[in-house]
């Protein structure tokens, strides 16, 4: 496995995540922001609205 995804957890900063990647022997090669959606009741209709985002880094293993 030469690539692995690392999600920035709720209790950590981006820098903490990058340090965690380095500790596991990975170098970041790609940053992705994934939208988070939630269902909201608006005027009696359920609508899907964006409610946040999560940041995910793709890391490549150091050789």
PDB file of N, CA and C in Angstrom:
ATOM      1  N   UNK A   1       0.857  -1.172   0.000  1.00  0.00           N
ATOM      2  CA  UNK A   1       0.000   0.000   0.000  1.00  0.00           C
ATOM      3  C   UNK A   1       0.907   1.240   0.000  1.00  0.00           C
ATOM      4  N   UNK A   2       0.926   1.966  -1.101  1.00  0.00           N
ATOM      5  CA  UNK A   2       1.811   3.120  -1.195  1.00  0.00           C
ATOM      6  C   UNK A   2       1.090   4.436  -0.931  1.00  0.00           C
ATOM      7  N   UNK A   3      -0.251   4.427  -0.951  1.00  0.00           N
ATOM      8  CA  UNK A   3      -1.021   5.643  -0.672  1.00  0.00           C
ATOM      9  C   UNK A   3      -2.007   5.382   0.455  1.00  0.00           C
ATOM     10  N   UNK A   4      -2.281   6.431   1.227  1.00  0.00           N
ATOM     11  CA  UNK A   4      -3.221   6.317   2.338  1.00  0.00           C
ATOM     12  C   UNK A   4      -3.892   7.673   2.519  1.00  0.00           C
ATOM     13  N   UNK A   5      -5.160   7.665   2.916  1.00  0.00           N
ATOM     14  CA  UNK A   5      -5.888   8.913   3.153  1.00  0.00           C
ATOM     15  C   UNK A   5      -5.921   9.215   4.643  1.00  0.00           C
ATOM     16  N   UNK A   6      -5.727  10.491   4.951  1.00  0.00           N
ATOM     17  CA  UNK A   6      -5.728  10.974   6.325  1.00  0.00           C
ATOM     18  C   UNK A   6      -6.761  12.083   6.444  1.00  0.00           C
ATOM     19  N   UNK A   7      -7.727  11.904   7.319  1.00  0.00           N
ATOM     20  CA  UNK A   7      -8.762  12.911   7.539  1.00  0.00           C
ATOM     21  C   UNK A   7      -8.368  13.776   8.727  1.00  0.00           C
ATOM     22  N   UNK A   8      -8.539  15.094   8.582  1.00  0.00           N
ATOM     23  CA  UNK A   8      -8.305  15.998   9.707  1.00  0.00           C
ATOM     24  C   UNK A   8      -9.445  15.759  10.689  1.00  0.00           C
ATOM     25  N   UNK A   9      -9.108  15.260  11.864  1.00  0.00           N
ATOM     26  CA  UNK A   9     -10.115  14.899  12.853  1.00  0.00           C
ATOM     27  C   UNK A   9     -10.693  16.137  13.525  1.00  0.00           C
ATOM     28  N   UNK A  10     -11.819  15.952  14.170  1.00  0.00           N
ATOM     29  CA  UNK A  10     -12.556  17.060  14.776  1.00  0.00           C
ATOM     30  C   UNK A  10     -11.742  17.810  15.831  1.00  0.00           C
ATOM     31  N   UNK A  11     -10.900  17.089  16.560  1.00  0.00           N
ATOM     32  CA  UNK A  11     -10.156  17.688  17.676  1.00  0.00           C
ATOM     33  C   UNK A  11      -8.741  18.133  17.301  1.00  0.00           C
ATOM     34  N   UNK A  12      -8.366  18.071  16.004  1.00  0.00           N
ATOM     35  CA  UNK A  12      -7.003  18.420  15.640  1.00  0.00           C
ATOM     36  C   UNK A  12      -6.952  19.487  14.553  1.00  0.00           C
ATOM     37  N   UNK A  13      -5.805  20.135  14.441  1.00  0.00           N
ATOM     38  CA  UNK A  13      -5.600  21.138  13.401  1.00  0.00           C
ATOM     39  C   UNK A  13      -5.018  20.462  12.160  1.00  0.00           C
ATOM     40  N   UNK A  14      -4.950  21.211  11.070  1.00  0.00           N
ATOM     41  CA  UNK A  14      -4.348  20.676   9.846  1.00  0.00           C
ATOM     42  C   UNK A  14      -2.893  20.307  10.111  1.00  0.00           C
ATOM     43  N   UNK A  15      -2.201  21.146  10.864  1.00  0.00           N
ATOM     44  CA  UNK A  15      -0.803  20.884  11.186  1.00  0.00           C
ATOM     45  C   UNK A  15      -0.649  19.596  11.997  1.00  0.00           C
ATOM     46  N   UNK A  16      -1.579  19.342  12.925  1.00  0.00           N
ATOM     47  CA  UNK A  16      -1.549  18.092  13.701  1.00  0.00           C
ATOM     48  C   UNK A  16      -1.685  16.887  12.775  1.00  0.00           C
ATOM     49  N   UNK A  17      -2.576  16.990  11.792  1.00  0.00           N
ATOM     50  CA  UNK A  17      -2.788  15.902  10.845  1.00  0.00           C
ATOM     51  C   UNK A  17      -1.526  15.657  10.016  1.00  0.00           C
ATOM     52  N   UNK A  18      -0.888  16.735   9.579  1.00  0.00           N
ATOM     53  CA  UNK A  18       0.342  16.595   8.790  1.00  0.00           C
ATOM     54  C   UNK A  18       1.459  15.956   9.616  1.00  0.00           C
ATOM     55  N   UNK A  19       1.530  16.296  10.901  1.00  0.00           N
ATOM     56  CA  UNK A  19       2.526  15.676  11.786  1.00  0.00           C
ATOM     57  C   UNK A  19       2.230  14.190  11.970  1.00  0.00           C
ATOM     58  N   UNK A  20       0.941  13.843  12.067  1.00  0.00           N
ATOM     59  CA  UNK A  20       0.540  12.436  12.201  1.00  0.00           C
ATOM     60  C   UNK A  20       0.942  11.656  10.947  1.00  0.00           C
ATOM     61  N   UNK A  21       0.750  12.281   9.782  1.00  0.00           N
ATOM     62  CA  UNK A  21       1.146  11.645   8.523  1.00  0.00           C
ATOM     63  C   UNK A  21       2.653  11.383   8.509  1.00  0.00           C
ATOM     64  N   UNK A  22       3.412  12.383   8.904  1.00  0.00           N
ATOM     65  CA  UNK A  22       4.868  12.259   8.920  1.00  0.00           C
ATOM     66  C   UNK A  22       5.317  11.162   9.887  1.00  0.00           C
ATOM     67  N   UNK A  23       4.658  11.081  11.047  1.00  0.00           N
ATOM     68  CA  UNK A  23       4.999  10.059  12.039  1.00  0.00           C
ATOM     69  C   UNK A  23       4.750   8.649  11.504  1.00  0.00           C
ATOM     70  N   UNK A  24       3.763   8.513  10.611  1.00  0.00           N
ATOM     71  CA  UNK A  24       3.464   7.204  10.019  1.00  0.00           C
ATOM     72  C   UNK A  24       4.277   6.941   8.758  1.00  0.00           C
ATOM     73  N   UNK A  25       5.118   7.913   8.362  1.00  0.00           N
ATOM     74  CA  UNK A  25       5.996   7.722   7.222  1.00  0.00           C
ATOM     75  C   UNK A  25       5.394   8.120   5.877  1.00  0.00           C
ATOM     76  N   UNK A  26       4.462   9.064   5.883  1.00  0.00           N
ATOM     77  CA  UNK A  26       3.807   9.496   4.646  1.00  0.00           C
ATOM     78  C   UNK A  26       4.073  10.976   4.380  1.00  0.00           C
ATOM     79  N   UNK A  27       4.093  11.330   3.095  1.00  0.00           N
ATOM     80  CA  UNK A  27       4.223  12.711   2.648  1.00  0.00           C
ATOM     81  C   UNK A  27       2.929  13.110   1.953  1.00  0.00           C
ATOM     82  N   UNK A  28       2.358  14.276   2.273  1.00  0.00           N
ATOM     83  CA  UNK A  28       1.115  14.685   1.615  1.00  0.00           C
ATOM     84  C   UNK A  28       1.355  15.001   0.132  1.00  0.00           C
ATOM     85  N   UNK A  29       0.460  14.494  -0.728  1.00  0.00           N
ATOM     86  CA  UNK A  29       0.562  14.758  -2.163  1.00  0.00           C
ATOM     87  C   UNK A  29      -0.708  15.404  -2.707  1.00  0.00           C
ATOM     88  N   UNK A  30      -1.798  15.345  -1.941  1.00  0.00           N
ATOM     89  CA  UNK A  30      -3.057  15.892  -2.416  1.00  0.00           C
ATOM     90  C   UNK A  30      -3.916  16.285  -1.223  1.00  0.00           C
ATOM     91  N   UNK A  31      -4.590  17.446  -1.346  1.00  0.00           N
ATOM     92  CA  UNK A  31      -5.528  17.894  -0.306  1.00  0.00           C
ATOM     93  C   UNK A  31      -6.904  17.981  -0.935  1.00  0.00           C
ATOM     94  N   UNK A  32      -7.896  17.400  -0.253  1.00  0.00           N
ATOM     95  CA  UNK A  32      -9.269  17.427  -0.751  1.00  0.00           C
ATOM     96  C   UNK A  32     -10.178  17.985   0.330  1.00  0.00           C
ATOM     97  N   UNK A  33     -11.174  18.747  -0.079  1.00  0.00           N
ATOM     98  CA  UNK A  33     -12.204  19.213   0.835  1.00  0.00           C
ATOM     99  C   UNK A  33     -13.506  18.557   0.412  1.00  0.00           C
ATOM    100  N   UNK A  34     -14.038  17.719   1.284  1.00  0.00           N
ATOM    101  CA  UNK A  34     -15.238  16.947   0.998  1.00  0.00           C
ATOM    102  C   UNK A  34     -16.419  17.609   1.696  1.00  0.00           C
ATOM    103  N   UNK A  35     -17.463  17.970   0.945  1.00  0.00           N
ATOM    104  CA  UNK A  35     -18.617  18.610   1.585  1.00  0.00           C
ATOM    105  C   UNK A  35     -19.420  17.616   2.426  1.00  0.00           C
ATOM    106  N   UNK A  36     -20.019  18.117   3.487  1.00  0.00           N
ATOM    107  CA  UNK A  36     -20.897  17.321   4.343  1.00  0.00           C
ATOM    108  C   UNK A  36     -22.301  17.902   4.201  1.00  0.00           C
ATOM    109  N   UNK A  37     -23.264  17.048   3.912  1.00  0.00           N
ATOM    110  CA  UNK A  37     -24.638  17.491   3.715  1.00  0.00           C
ATOM    111  C   UNK A  37     -25.517  16.974   4.840  1.00  0.00           C
ATOM    112  N   UNK A  38     -26.607  17.705   5.114  1.00  0.00           N
ATOM    113  CA  UNK A  38     -27.587  17.255   6.103  1.00  0.00           C
ATOM    114  C   UNK A  38     -28.982  17.529   5.570  1.00  0.00           C
ATOM    115  N   UNK A  39     -29.923  16.746   6.066  1.00  0.00           N
ATOM    116  CA  UNK A  39     -31.320  16.935   5.667  1.00  0.00           C
ATOM    117  C   UNK A  39     -31.965  17.966   6.588  1.00  0.00           C
ATOM    118  N   UNK A  40     -32.633  18.961   6.002  1.00  0.00           N
ATOM    119  CA  UNK A  40     -33.310  20.010   6.766  1.00  0.00           C
ATOM    120  C   UNK A  40     -34.782  20.029   6.366  1.00  0.00           C
ATOM    121  N   UNK A  41     -35.653  20.222   7.348  1.00  0.00           N
ATOM    122  CA  UNK A  41     -37.080  20.355   7.076  1.00  0.00           C
ATOM    123  C   UNK A  41     -37.368  21.829   6.826  1.00  0.00           C
ATOM    124  N   UNK A  42     -37.709  22.178   5.579  1.00  0.00           N
ATOM    125  CA  UNK A  42     -37.989  23.562   5.203  1.00  0.00           C
ATOM    126  C   UNK A  42     -39.359  23.603   4.539  1.00  0.00           C
ATOM    127  N   UNK A  43     -40.281  24.357   5.147  1.00  0.00           N
ATOM    128  CA  UNK A  43     -41.656  24.497   4.639  1.00  0.00           C
ATOM    129  C   UNK A  43     -42.334  23.136   4.415  1.00  0.00           C
ATOM    130  N   UNK A  44     -42.105  22.222   5.337  1.00  0.00           N
ATOM    131  CA  UNK A  44     -42.731  20.907   5.244  1.00  0.00           C
ATOM    132  C   UNK A  44     -42.059  19.959   4.265  1.00  0.00           C
ATOM    133  N   UNK A  45     -40.972  20.370   3.642  1.00  0.00           N
ATOM    134  CA  UNK A  45     -40.241  19.528   2.702  1.00  0.00           C
ATOM    135  C   UNK A  45     -38.847  19.242   3.254  1.00  0.00           C
ATOM    136  N   UNK A  46     -38.371  18.046   3.013  1.00  0.00           N
ATOM    137  CA  UNK A  46     -37.011  17.711   3.409  1.00  0.00           C
ATOM    138  C   UNK A  46     -36.085  18.121   2.265  1.00  0.00           C
ATOM    139  N   UNK A  47     -35.137  18.987   2.594  1.00  0.00           N
ATOM    140  CA  UNK A  47     -34.170  19.436   1.605  1.00  0.00           C
ATOM    141  C   UNK A  47     -32.772  19.132   2.113  1.00  0.00           C
ATOM    142  N   UNK A  48     -31.894  18.812   1.184  1.00  0.00           N
ATOM    143  CA  UNK A  48     -30.506  18.521   1.532  1.00  0.00           C
ATOM    144  C   UNK A  48     -29.700  19.797   1.350  1.00  0.00           C
ATOM    145  N   UNK A  49     -29.016  20.194   2.425  1.00  0.00           N
ATOM    146  CA  UNK A  49     -28.226  21.419   2.401  1.00  0.00           C
ATOM    147  C   UNK A  49     -26.810  21.127   2.895  1.00  0.00           C
ATOM    148  N   UNK A  50     -25.833  21.881   2.387  1.00  0.00           N
ATOM    149  CA  UNK A  50     -24.470  21.709   2.899  1.00  0.00           C
ATOM    150  C   UNK A  50     -24.396  22.149   4.357  1.00  0.00           C
ATOM    151  N   UNK A  51     -23.722  21.358   5.181  1.00  0.00           N
ATOM    152  CA  UNK A  51     -23.636  21.705   6.598  1.00  0.00           C
ATOM    153  C   UNK A  51     -22.199  21.792   7.091  1.00  0.00           C
ATOM    154  N   UNK A  52     -21.252  21.594   6.210  1.00  0.00           N
ATOM    155  CA  UNK A  52     -19.856  21.680   6.624  1.00  0.00           C
ATOM    156  C   UNK A  52     -18.955  21.037   5.599  1.00  0.00           C
ATOM    157  N   UNK A  53     -17.725  20.792   6.025  1.00  0.00           N
ATOM    158  CA  UNK A  53     -16.767  20.136   5.143  1.00  0.00           C
ATOM    159  C   UNK A  53     -15.748  19.417   5.989  1.00  0.00           C
ATOM    160  N   UNK A  54     -15.109  18.442   5.387  1.00  0.00           N
ATOM    161  CA  UNK A  54     -14.001  17.784   6.057  1.00  0.00           C
ATOM    162  C   UNK A  54     -12.809  17.826   5.115  1.00  0.00           C
ATOM    163  N   UNK A  55     -11.640  17.935   5.691  1.00  0.00           N
ATOM    164  CA  UNK A  55     -10.409  18.023   4.919  1.00  0.00           C
ATOM    165  C   UNK A  55      -9.712  16.674   4.977  1.00  0.00           C
ATOM    166  N   UNK A  56      -9.349  16.169   3.797  1.00  0.00           N
ATOM    167  CA  UNK A  56      -8.695  14.878   3.687  1.00  0.00           C
ATOM    168  C   UNK A  56      -7.411  15.051   2.884  1.00  0.00           C
ATOM    169  N   UNK A  57      -6.325  14.509   3.414  1.00  0.00           N
ATOM    170  CA  UNK A  57      -5.036  14.515   2.710  1.00  0.00           C
ATOM    171  C   UNK A  57      -4.760  13.112   2.191  1.00  0.00           C
ATOM    172  N   UNK A  58      -4.218  13.041   0.977  1.00  0.00           N
ATOM    173  CA  UNK A  58      -3.739  11.772   0.453  1.00  0.00           C
ATOM    174  C   UNK A  58      -2.238  11.782   0.613  1.00  0.00           C
ATOM    175  N   UNK A  59      -1.710  10.735   1.226  1.00  0.00           N
ATOM    176  CA  UNK A  59      -0.287  10.664   1.473  1.00  0.00           C
ATOM    177  C   UNK A  59       0.376   9.540   0.715  1.00  0.00           C
ATOM    178  N   UNK A  60       1.606   9.781   0.315  1.00  0.00           N
ATOM    179  CA  UNK A  60       2.408   8.774  -0.379  1.00  0.00           C
ATOM    180  C   UNK A  60       3.505   8.335   0.595  1.00  0.00           C
ATOM    181  N   UNK A  61       3.738   7.039   0.678  1.00  0.00           N
ATOM    182  CA  UNK A  61       4.708   6.518   1.640  1.00  0.00           C
ATOM    183  C   UNK A  61       6.118   6.956   1.266  1.00  0.00           C
ATOM    184  N   UNK A  62       6.887   7.320   2.290  1.00  0.00           N
ATOM    185  CA  UNK A  62       8.296   7.711   2.073  1.00  0.00           C
ATOM    186  C   UNK A  62       9.120   6.455   1.841  1.00  0.00           C
ATOM    187  N   UNK A  63      10.080   6.560   0.960  1.00  0.00           N
ATOM    188  CA  UNK A  63      10.942   5.388   0.677  1.00  0.00           C
ATOM    189  C   UNK A  63      12.285   5.545   1.313  1.00  0.00           C
TER     190      UNK A  63
END
